[in-house]
Amino acid sequence: MFRKTLLKLSILLLAATTMLTACGGNNSANTLGESSGGNAAQGGAKEVSFTIGYASGDPATKKAIADTVKKFMEINPHIKIKDLSETTSSAYLDWLKTKDAVGEFPDLVEMRDTEVFADAGKIVELPADLLDLFDSPPEVDGKVWNAPLQVNAPQGIIYSKKAYADAGITELPKTYDEFIEIQEKLKATGISPIVVGGKDIFHMGFWVNKFLIDAVYVEDPDWNSKRTAQQVSFTDEKVVQAMTDFKELFQKYVDKGWLSTGDNQTASILVSGKAAQLYSGTWMFTQIAEADPNFEFGFYAVPDREGKINVIGLPSPAGWSISTEASADADKVEAIKQFIRFFFEPENYSKYLASINAIPATKAEVTYETSEQMQVALDLIADPNVNKSLAINNWWGDNLIPPQFRNWYYKLLQELVVKDGDVKDYMKQADTEYDNQVKANAM
């Protein structure tokens, strides 16, 4: 059952935040001038409007943000926010680039590829008077560009307790080989062991990065920069083994319809009993509970072959950013800043966090009801013995990969599985494409 307990997350995460202090302090200069007219809400309620854009592929996140926007406009009727977000199967980066190309780049935008858009001059630094809201927000080139929506949370296996019981599984795996043994037991019962929403390219990243983190990033967080310098290769033994494990998992244990299954279909497939497991993030907990309140499920991080637990959990420069174009309008900037403060007020922020089971990024204490599954995620973040890392495209600075490479690589791996390709040959293609994209970006 989806049992709830009240947790003071800021206290529980105290141990974790000491580990998540990479990327420097908060000494960024404010590139945005203060509005000469002061706060519009306090100066005669001058009419002002701005646009907003965010990744809306996850229904729970879309609703959480849309609800906050609606509430803000009800309290501040003089401020109009136009939501440009669309739910599509396109990658969010591609959607943003399309919006930019047609002159509709959002005034306030959820930024995930911060360095790409900062280098392109599309966003400005976060105003200095907003920095104190957050604990050590990550910096790019010594500057803070984002109001972080949350701390990166671990991903792992969300499993049906009934399916595990029916297969005679009484213990969670302590090694990756034990995890594979569980897949064999599930498969023997006639159920699809794992559902994957491969129709949405971002969903591929969950499994891809599980294997890359285990094989590469835990041991060498600077692997991306070395790949850019051609000092390491996708054909290296550890990477080839990781992608071989990925290929075998998909061919043997993933539901056969994975390539035509959308991410938003995975919860219903899991609760219906058509599949036993889903590898995803904490934002899915609420969706699963809403799909079937009586569905009993658990959550755990999949260990590597040596029994080590390695998860996504480091901070990265992502969150609300203000566009350069919007920054030229002082009234618009003040309205945006007012919305950001409203979004992160504990009463409002707690509702956002609770709806997607997220970890707070603010200094202020935030309390919300959370589940036993979320407690597992919190324990993983707080455990110093659990290795924390990032996904291939979430690194920055010298470790930033070419912005288009992530989606290209995920599609390459889809083809690898479907065509039963030779892993090393496909990794040679990855090296060639990576180098070509690096050269193209340097021009």
Protein backbone atom coordinates (compact mmCIF):
# COMPACT_ATOMS: atom_id res chain seq x y z
CA MET A 1 0.00 0.00 0.00
CA PHE A 2 1.02 3.62 -0.44
CA ARG A 3 1.47 4.27 3.30
CA LYS A 4 2.42 7.81 4.29
CA THR A 5 4.54 9.25 7.03
CA LEU A 6 5.37 12.87 7.77
CA LEU A 7 9.00 13.72 7.16
CA LYS A 8 10.94 16.92 7.66
CA LEU A 9 13.03 16.58 4.55
CA SER A 10 15.42 19.39 5.31
CA ILE A 11 16.52 17.57 8.47
CA LEU A 12 16.68 14.16 6.82
CA LEU A 13 18.80 15.58 4.02
CA LEU A 14 21.28 17.33 6.29
CA ALA A 15 23.81 14.55 5.83
CA ALA A 16 23.20 14.50 2.10
CA THR A 17 23.66 18.20 1.53
CA THR A 18 27.18 18.05 2.91
CA MET A 19 28.01 15.79 0.00
CA LEU A 20 26.20 17.87 -2.60
CA THR A 21 28.29 21.02 -2.37
CA ALA A 22 30.23 20.74 -5.61
CA CYS A 23 30.26 23.62 -8.07
CA GLY A 24 31.18 26.50 -5.77
CA GLY A 25 29.38 29.18 -3.84
CA ASN A 26 26.90 31.95 -4.56
CA ASN A 27 29.11 34.85 -5.60
CA SER A 28 27.46 35.47 -8.96
CA ALA A 29 26.95 39.06 -9.96
CA ASN A 30 23.42 40.10 -10.85
CA THR A 31 23.14 40.88 -14.56
CA LEU A 32 19.54 42.03 -14.19
CA GLY A 33 18.89 45.59 -13.15
CA GLU A 34 16.29 46.18 -10.45
CA SER A 35 12.99 47.54 -11.68
CA SER A 36 12.77 51.31 -11.29
CA GLY A 37 9.08 50.93 -10.58
CA GLY A 38 9.52 48.41 -7.78
CA ASN A 39 7.24 45.39 -7.39
CA ALA A 40 4.22 45.65 -9.67
CA ALA A 41 1.98 44.02 -7.07
CA GLN A 42 2.79 46.82 -4.65
CA GLY A 43 2.73 49.76 -7.06
CA GLY A 44 -0.80 50.02 -8.38
CA ALA A 45 -1.06 46.52 -9.87
CA LYS A 46 0.34 47.40 -13.29
CA GLU A 47 -0.66 44.88 -15.95
CA VAL A 48 2.24 42.66 -16.97
CA SER A 49 2.56 39.30 -18.71
CA PHE A 50 5.23 36.73 -19.43
CA THR A 51 5.48 33.29 -21.01
CA ILE A 52 6.60 30.09 -19.30
CA GLY A 53 7.91 26.82 -20.68
CA TYR A 54 8.87 23.54 -19.00
CA ALA A 55 9.26 19.83 -19.74
CA SER A 56 5.75 18.42 -19.65
CA GLY A 57 6.29 14.80 -20.66
CA ASP A 58 5.62 13.66 -17.11
CA PRO A 59 1.90 14.23 -16.31
CA ALA A 60 2.44 14.70 -12.57
CA THR A 61 5.08 17.39 -13.08
CA LYS A 62 2.98 19.19 -15.68
CA LYS A 63 -0.02 19.30 -13.36
CA ALA A 64 2.05 20.39 -10.37
CA ILE A 65 3.53 23.37 -12.22
CA ALA A 66 0.27 24.25 -13.96
CA ASP A 67 -1.54 24.28 -10.61
CA THR A 68 1.06 26.64 -9.14
CA VAL A 69 0.78 28.96 -12.15
CA LYS A 70 -3.01 29.02 -11.82
CA LYS A 71 -2.89 29.77 -8.10
CA PHE A 72 -0.35 32.55 -8.63
CA MET A 73 -2.53 34.26 -11.24
CA GLU A 74 -5.59 34.01 -9.01
CA ILE A 75 -3.72 35.85 -6.24
CA ASN A 76 -2.05 38.26 -8.69
CA PRO A 77 -4.69 38.97 -11.38
CA HIS A 78 -2.59 41.79 -12.84
CA ILE A 79 0.09 39.26 -13.88
CA LYS A 80 -0.76 37.01 -16.83
CA ILE A 81 1.33 33.90 -17.46
CA LYS A 82 1.02 32.20 -20.82
CA ASP A 83 1.98 28.52 -20.65
CA LEU A 84 3.76 27.49 -23.86
CA SER A 85 4.46 23.92 -22.69
CA GLU A 86 3.34 21.07 -24.89
CA THR A 87 3.24 17.32 -24.30
CA THR A 88 5.04 15.72 -27.24
CA SER A 89 7.29 12.75 -27.85
CA SER A 90 10.06 15.15 -28.91
CA ALA A 91 13.04 15.63 -26.64
CA TYR A 92 12.72 18.74 -24.49
CA LEU A 93 15.94 20.22 -25.91
CA ASP A 94 14.56 19.88 -29.43
CA TRP A 95 11.28 21.48 -28.35
CA LEU A 96 13.10 24.46 -26.87
CA LYS A 97 15.22 24.91 -29.99
CA THR A 98 12.06 24.85 -32.11
CA LYS A 99 10.45 27.48 -29.90
CA ASP A 100 13.55 29.62 -30.23
CA ALA A 101 13.57 29.22 -34.02
CA VAL A 102 9.98 30.50 -34.33
CA GLY A 103 10.53 33.38 -31.92
CA GLU A 104 8.67 31.82 -28.99
CA PHE A 105 11.49 31.12 -26.54
CA PRO A 106 9.84 31.33 -23.08
CA ASP A 107 10.49 34.29 -20.81
CA LEU A 108 10.74 31.93 -17.82
CA VAL A 109 12.02 28.54 -18.87
CA GLU A 110 12.86 25.27 -17.18
CA MET A 111 16.48 24.92 -18.23
CA ARG A 112 18.16 21.51 -18.39
CA ASP A 113 20.90 22.23 -20.94
CA THR A 114 22.04 25.35 -19.12
CA GLU A 115 25.52 25.69 -20.58
CA VAL A 116 24.22 25.32 -24.14
CA PHE A 117 21.73 28.17 -23.79
CA ALA A 118 24.00 30.31 -21.62
CA ASP A 119 26.77 30.10 -24.24
CA ALA A 120 24.21 30.99 -26.91
CA GLY A 121 23.22 34.09 -24.95
CA LYS A 122 19.62 32.93 -24.52
CA ILE A 123 19.47 33.11 -20.71
CA VAL A 124 20.86 35.41 -18.02
CA GLU A 125 22.19 34.84 -14.54
CA LEU A 126 19.71 34.31 -11.74
CA PRO A 127 19.04 37.64 -10.00
CA ALA A 128 21.21 38.06 -6.91
CA ASP A 129 18.23 38.65 -4.64
CA LEU A 130 16.96 35.12 -5.40
CA LEU A 131 20.18 33.28 -4.60
CA ASP A 132 19.54 33.12 -0.86
CA LEU A 133 16.53 30.86 -1.47
CA PHE A 134 18.79 27.92 -2.24
CA ASP A 135 21.56 25.77 -0.79
CA SER A 136 24.72 26.02 -2.92
CA PRO A 137 23.11 26.05 -6.38
CA PRO A 138 25.56 24.69 -8.99
CA GLU A 139 27.51 27.22 -11.03
CA VAL A 140 28.52 27.26 -14.67
CA ASP A 141 31.55 29.43 -15.41
CA GLY A 142 31.32 30.77 -11.87
CA LYS A 143 27.74 31.95 -12.34
CA VAL A 144 24.35 30.70 -11.13
CA TRP A 145 21.88 30.55 -14.00
CA ASN A 146 19.02 28.55 -12.43
CA ALA A 147 16.57 28.45 -9.57
CA PRO A 148 16.81 24.65 -9.01
CA LEU A 149 13.42 22.95 -8.98
CA GLN A 150 14.66 20.08 -6.82
CA VAL A 151 17.70 17.99 -5.94
CA ASN A 152 18.39 15.15 -8.35
CA ALA A 153 16.75 12.00 -6.95
CA PRO A 154 17.79 8.36 -7.41
CA GLN A 155 16.20 6.16 -10.04
CA GLY A 156 15.57 2.48 -9.53
CA ILE A 157 13.25 -0.49 -9.85
CA ILE A 158 9.59 0.07 -9.01
CA TYR A 159 8.21 -3.43 -8.59
CA SER A 160 4.90 -5.16 -8.01
CA LYS A 161 4.99 -6.87 -4.63
CA LYS A 162 2.38 -9.35 -5.88
CA ALA A 163 4.46 -10.27 -8.94
CA TYR A 164 7.49 -10.81 -6.74
CA ALA A 165 5.51 -12.98 -4.33
CA ASP A 166 3.97 -15.00 -7.17
CA ALA A 167 7.47 -15.68 -8.51
CA GLY A 168 8.72 -16.78 -5.10
CA ILE A 169 11.03 -13.78 -4.73
CA THR A 170 11.52 -13.14 -1.04
CA GLU A 171 14.70 -11.02 -1.01
CA LEU A 172 15.85 -8.00 -2.96
CA PRO A 173 19.02 -8.49 -5.04
CA LYS A 174 22.41 -7.79 -3.52
CA THR A 175 24.28 -7.96 -6.86
CA TYR A 176 23.41 -7.42 -10.51
CA ASP A 177 23.63 -11.17 -11.12
CA GLU A 178 20.99 -11.70 -8.43
CA PHE A 179 18.88 -9.06 -10.17
CA ILE A 180 19.09 -11.09 -13.39
CA GLU A 181 18.06 -14.22 -11.46
CA ILE A 182 14.95 -12.33 -10.35
CA GLN A 183 14.17 -11.53 -14.00
CA GLU A 184 14.34 -15.23 -14.85
CA LYS A 185 11.94 -16.07 -12.03
CA LEU A 186 9.48 -13.41 -13.15
CA LYS A 187 9.72 -14.50 -16.77
CA ALA A 188 8.97 -18.08 -15.76
CA THR A 189 5.59 -16.99 -14.36
CA GLY A 190 4.54 -15.67 -17.78
CA ILE A 191 4.65 -11.99 -16.92
CA SER A 192 6.77 -9.41 -18.77
CA PRO A 193 9.53 -8.67 -16.26
CA ILE A 194 10.11 -5.01 -17.23
CA VAL A 195 8.06 -2.32 -18.95
CA VAL A 196 9.93 0.43 -20.83
CA GLY A 197 8.44 3.58 -22.40
CA GLY A 198 10.81 3.56 -25.36
CA LYS A 199 8.51 5.63 -27.57
CA ASP A 200 9.73 8.65 -25.60
CA ILE A 201 13.46 8.96 -26.19
CA PHE A 202 14.16 10.46 -22.74
CA HIS A 203 12.85 7.28 -21.11
CA MET A 204 15.70 5.30 -22.70
CA GLY A 205 18.10 7.27 -20.55
CA PHE A 206 16.97 5.61 -17.33
CA TRP A 207 18.48 2.23 -18.17
CA VAL A 208 21.30 3.59 -20.36
CA ASN A 209 22.58 5.73 -17.52
CA LYS A 210 22.22 2.99 -14.92
CA PHE A 211 24.79 1.00 -16.86
CA LEU A 212 27.01 3.98 -17.74
CA ILE A 213 27.10 5.16 -14.12
CA ASP A 214 28.07 1.68 -12.90
CA ALA A 215 30.75 1.18 -15.55
CA VAL A 216 32.11 4.68 -16.11
CA TYR A 217 31.03 7.67 -14.07
CA VAL A 218 31.36 6.29 -10.55
CA GLU A 219 35.04 5.58 -11.18
CA ASP A 220 35.71 8.52 -13.48
CA PRO A 221 33.38 11.56 -13.26
CA ASP A 222 35.58 13.26 -15.89
CA TRP A 223 35.06 10.55 -18.51
CA ASN A 224 33.12 12.90 -20.80
CA SER A 225 35.96 15.43 -20.96
CA LYS A 226 38.39 12.60 -21.72
CA ARG A 227 36.07 11.39 -24.50
CA THR A 228 36.02 14.90 -25.95
CA ALA A 229 39.83 14.89 -25.86
CA GLN A 230 39.80 11.38 -27.45
CA GLN A 231 41.66 9.93 -24.47
CA VAL A 232 38.94 7.32 -23.87
CA SER A 233 36.52 5.56 -26.17
CA PHE A 234 33.05 4.06 -26.28
CA THR A 235 34.84 0.92 -27.46
CA ASP A 236 36.70 0.63 -24.14
CA GLU A 237 36.06 -2.69 -22.45
CA LYS A 238 33.93 -1.33 -19.59
CA VAL A 239 31.65 0.66 -21.87
CA VAL A 240 31.23 -2.27 -24.26
CA GLN A 241 30.35 -4.54 -21.32
CA ALA A 242 27.85 -1.98 -20.00
CA MET A 243 26.10 -1.69 -23.36
CA THR A 244 26.18 -5.46 -23.76
CA ASP A 245 24.35 -5.75 -20.44
CA PHE A 246 21.87 -3.12 -21.67
CA LYS A 247 21.27 -4.99 -24.91
CA GLU A 248 20.80 -8.36 -23.21
CA LEU A 249 18.42 -6.92 -20.63
CA PHE A 250 16.22 -5.43 -23.34
CA GLN A 251 16.27 -8.51 -25.55
CA LYS A 252 15.54 -11.00 -22.76
CA TYR A 253 13.45 -9.24 -20.13
CA VAL A 254 11.84 -6.05 -21.45
CA ASP A 255 8.24 -6.14 -22.66
CA LYS A 256 8.23 -6.67 -26.43
CA GLY A 257 6.17 -3.56 -27.11
CA TRP A 258 8.73 -1.23 -25.53
CA LEU A 259 9.49 0.75 -28.70
CA SER A 260 5.83 1.77 -29.15
CA THR A 261 5.07 2.29 -25.45
CA GLY A 262 4.92 5.86 -24.17
CA ASP A 263 6.34 6.86 -20.80
CA ASN A 264 2.84 7.90 -19.70
CA GLN A 265 1.59 4.34 -20.35
CA THR A 266 4.08 2.60 -18.08
CA ALA A 267 2.20 3.14 -14.81
CA SER A 268 -1.01 1.57 -16.13
CA ILE A 269 0.91 -1.37 -17.60
CA LEU A 270 2.56 -1.96 -14.23
CA VAL A 271 -0.59 -1.76 -12.08
CA SER A 272 -2.58 -3.88 -14.54
CA GLY A 273 -0.20 -6.79 -13.96
CA LYS A 274 1.02 -6.89 -17.55
CA ALA A 275 4.56 -6.18 -16.34
CA ALA A 276 6.26 -6.71 -13.00
CA GLN A 277 8.73 -3.81 -12.89
CA LEU A 278 9.47 -0.32 -14.13
CA TYR A 279 12.87 1.37 -13.94
CA SER A 280 12.18 5.05 -13.34
CA GLY A 281 12.30 7.89 -10.85
CA THR A 282 10.46 8.97 -7.73
CA TRP A 283 8.03 11.13 -9.72
CA MET A 284 6.27 7.92 -10.77
CA PHE A 285 5.19 6.98 -7.24
CA THR A 286 2.21 9.34 -7.21
CA GLN A 287 1.15 8.34 -10.73
CA ILE A 288 1.19 4.67 -9.79
CA ALA A 289 -0.77 5.27 -6.58
CA GLU A 290 -3.35 7.31 -8.50
CA ALA A 291 -3.65 4.64 -11.19
CA ASP A 292 -4.55 2.06 -8.51
CA PRO A 293 -4.57 3.11 -4.83
CA ASN A 294 -4.57 -0.56 -3.80
CA PHE A 295 -1.55 -1.52 -5.87
CA GLU A 296 1.30 -2.58 -3.58
CA PHE A 297 4.75 -1.73 -4.85
CA GLY A 298 8.30 -1.33 -3.65
CA PHE A 299 11.38 0.54 -4.80
CA TYR A 300 15.10 -0.22 -4.75
CA ALA A 301 18.33 0.72 -6.52
CA VAL A 302 19.79 -2.00 -8.71
CA PRO A 303 23.28 -3.01 -7.46
CA ASP A 304 26.24 -3.49 -9.78
CA ARG A 305 28.05 -6.81 -10.17
CA GLU A 306 30.20 -6.13 -7.11
CA GLY A 307 27.17 -5.29 -5.00
CA LYS A 308 27.81 -1.54 -4.94
CA ILE A 309 24.92 0.89 -5.14
CA ASN A 310 25.45 3.74 -7.59
CA VAL A 311 22.68 6.26 -8.27
CA ILE A 312 21.91 9.63 -9.75
CA GLY A 313 22.15 12.06 -6.85
CA LEU A 314 24.64 14.86 -7.49
CA PRO A 315 23.40 18.41 -8.07
CA SER A 316 23.38 19.77 -11.61
CA PRO A 317 22.74 23.23 -13.07
CA ALA A 318 19.07 23.03 -13.96
CA GLY A 319 15.86 24.79 -13.02
CA TRP A 320 13.99 28.03 -13.70
CA SER A 321 15.98 30.47 -15.86
CA ILE A 322 15.11 33.92 -17.20
CA SER A 323 15.53 34.56 -20.91
CA THR A 324 17.83 37.30 -22.12
CA GLU A 325 14.99 38.91 -24.03
CA ALA A 326 12.75 39.01 -20.93
CA SER A 327 15.59 40.49 -18.88
CA ALA A 328 15.38 43.69 -20.93
CA ASP A 329 11.89 44.41 -19.54
CA ALA A 330 12.17 45.52 -15.91
CA ASP A 331 8.46 45.04 -15.17
CA LYS A 332 8.53 41.55 -16.65
CA VAL A 333 11.60 40.67 -14.59
CA GLU A 334 9.89 41.79 -11.39
CA ALA A 335 6.81 39.71 -12.22
CA ILE A 336 8.98 36.66 -12.94
CA LYS A 337 10.90 37.12 -9.69
CA GLN A 338 7.60 37.42 -7.84
CA PHE A 339 6.47 34.12 -9.37
CA ILE A 340 9.75 32.37 -8.50
CA ARG A 341 9.47 33.48 -4.87
CA PHE A 342 5.85 32.31 -4.85
CA PHE A 343 6.80 28.94 -6.36
CA PHE A 344 9.37 28.29 -3.65
CA GLU A 345 7.30 29.45 -0.67
CA PRO A 346 7.16 26.37 1.61
CA GLU A 347 3.37 26.07 1.39
CA ASN A 348 3.40 26.07 -2.42
CA TYR A 349 6.71 24.29 -2.90
CA SER A 350 5.69 21.44 -0.61
CA LYS A 351 2.69 20.71 -2.85
CA TYR A 352 4.90 20.62 -5.91
CA LEU A 353 7.41 18.33 -4.19
CA ALA A 354 4.72 16.02 -2.82
CA SER A 355 3.03 15.62 -6.19
CA ILE A 356 6.21 14.31 -7.82
CA ASN A 357 8.03 12.94 -4.74
CA ALA A 358 10.94 15.33 -5.15
CA ILE A 359 13.73 16.44 -2.82
CA PRO A 360 13.77 20.15 -1.90
CA ALA A 361 16.54 22.46 -3.08
CA THR A 362 15.66 25.42 -0.84
CA LYS A 363 17.22 26.53 2.42
CA ALA A 364 13.80 26.88 4.05
CA GLU A 365 12.45 23.79 5.78
CA VAL A 366 9.83 22.04 3.65
CA THR A 367 7.51 19.42 5.11
CA TYR A 368 5.23 17.10 3.16
CA GLU A 369 3.72 13.67 3.44
CA THR A 370 5.73 11.03 1.67
CA SER A 371 5.62 7.29 1.13
CA GLU A 372 7.64 4.29 2.17
CA GLN A 373 9.00 4.16 -1.39
CA MET A 374 10.19 7.76 -1.17
CA GLN A 375 11.85 6.97 2.14
CA VAL A 376 14.04 4.48 0.29
CA ALA A 377 15.11 7.24 -2.11
CA LEU A 378 15.84 9.60 0.78
CA ASP A 379 17.90 6.93 2.51
CA LEU A 380 19.92 6.39 -0.68
CA ILE A 381 20.69 10.10 -0.92
CA ALA A 382 21.66 10.32 2.77
CA ASP A 383 23.80 7.14 2.77
CA PRO A 384 27.52 8.01 2.37
CA ASN A 385 28.18 4.45 1.18
CA VAL A 386 25.92 4.97 -1.85
CA ASN A 387 27.87 6.43 -4.78
CA LYS A 388 26.25 9.53 -6.35
CA SER A 389 26.63 10.47 -9.98
CA LEU A 390 24.87 12.12 -12.94
CA ALA A 391 23.45 11.07 -16.28
CA ILE A 392 25.59 11.40 -19.41
CA ASN A 393 24.03 14.73 -20.41
CA ASN A 394 23.80 16.31 -16.94
CA TRP A 395 27.50 17.04 -16.54
CA TRP A 396 28.77 20.52 -17.38
CA GLY A 397 31.97 22.50 -17.91
CA ASP A 398 34.65 20.35 -19.50
CA ASN A 399 32.37 17.33 -19.08
CA LEU A 400 29.55 18.76 -21.18
CA ILE A 401 28.78 16.48 -24.12
CA PRO A 402 27.65 17.83 -27.51
CA PRO A 403 24.00 18.79 -26.93
CA GLN A 404 22.57 16.60 -29.70
CA PHE A 405 24.63 13.53 -28.83
CA ARG A 406 22.42 12.21 -26.01
CA ASN A 407 19.35 11.65 -28.19
CA TRP A 408 21.45 10.32 -31.05
CA TYR A 409 23.12 7.83 -28.71
CA TYR A 410 19.84 6.66 -27.19
CA LYS A 411 18.44 6.06 -30.68
CA LEU A 412 21.61 4.20 -31.65
CA LEU A 413 21.08 1.88 -28.70
CA GLN A 414 17.46 1.32 -29.67
CA GLU A 415 18.71 0.21 -33.09
CA LEU A 416 21.36 -1.97 -31.44
CA VAL A 417 18.64 -3.90 -29.61
CA VAL A 418 16.16 -4.14 -32.49
CA LYS A 419 18.74 -5.18 -35.09
CA ASP A 420 20.71 -7.39 -32.68
CA GLY A 421 23.83 -5.49 -33.66
CA ASP A 422 27.41 -6.05 -32.64
CA VAL A 423 28.01 -3.89 -29.58
CA LYS A 424 31.61 -2.97 -30.41
CA ASP A 425 30.69 -1.97 -33.97
CA TYR A 426 27.93 0.26 -32.64
CA MET A 427 30.27 1.82 -30.12
CA LYS A 428 32.66 2.65 -32.98
CA GLN A 429 29.76 4.54 -34.54
CA ALA A 430 29.27 6.36 -31.23
CA ASP A 431 32.92 7.48 -31.22
CA THR A 432 32.68 8.75 -34.80
CA GLU A 433 29.46 10.66 -34.19
CA TYR A 434 30.71 12.13 -30.92
CA ASP A 435 33.89 13.43 -32.57
CA ASN A 436 31.92 14.84 -35.51
CA GLN A 437 29.57 16.69 -33.18
CA VAL A 438 32.48 18.09 -31.17
CA LYS A 439 34.04 19.42 -34.38
CA ALA A 440 30.72 20.86 -35.59
CA ASN A 441 30.16 22.67 -32.30
CA ALA A 442 33.66 24.13 -32.42
CA MET A 443 33.04 25.84 -35.77
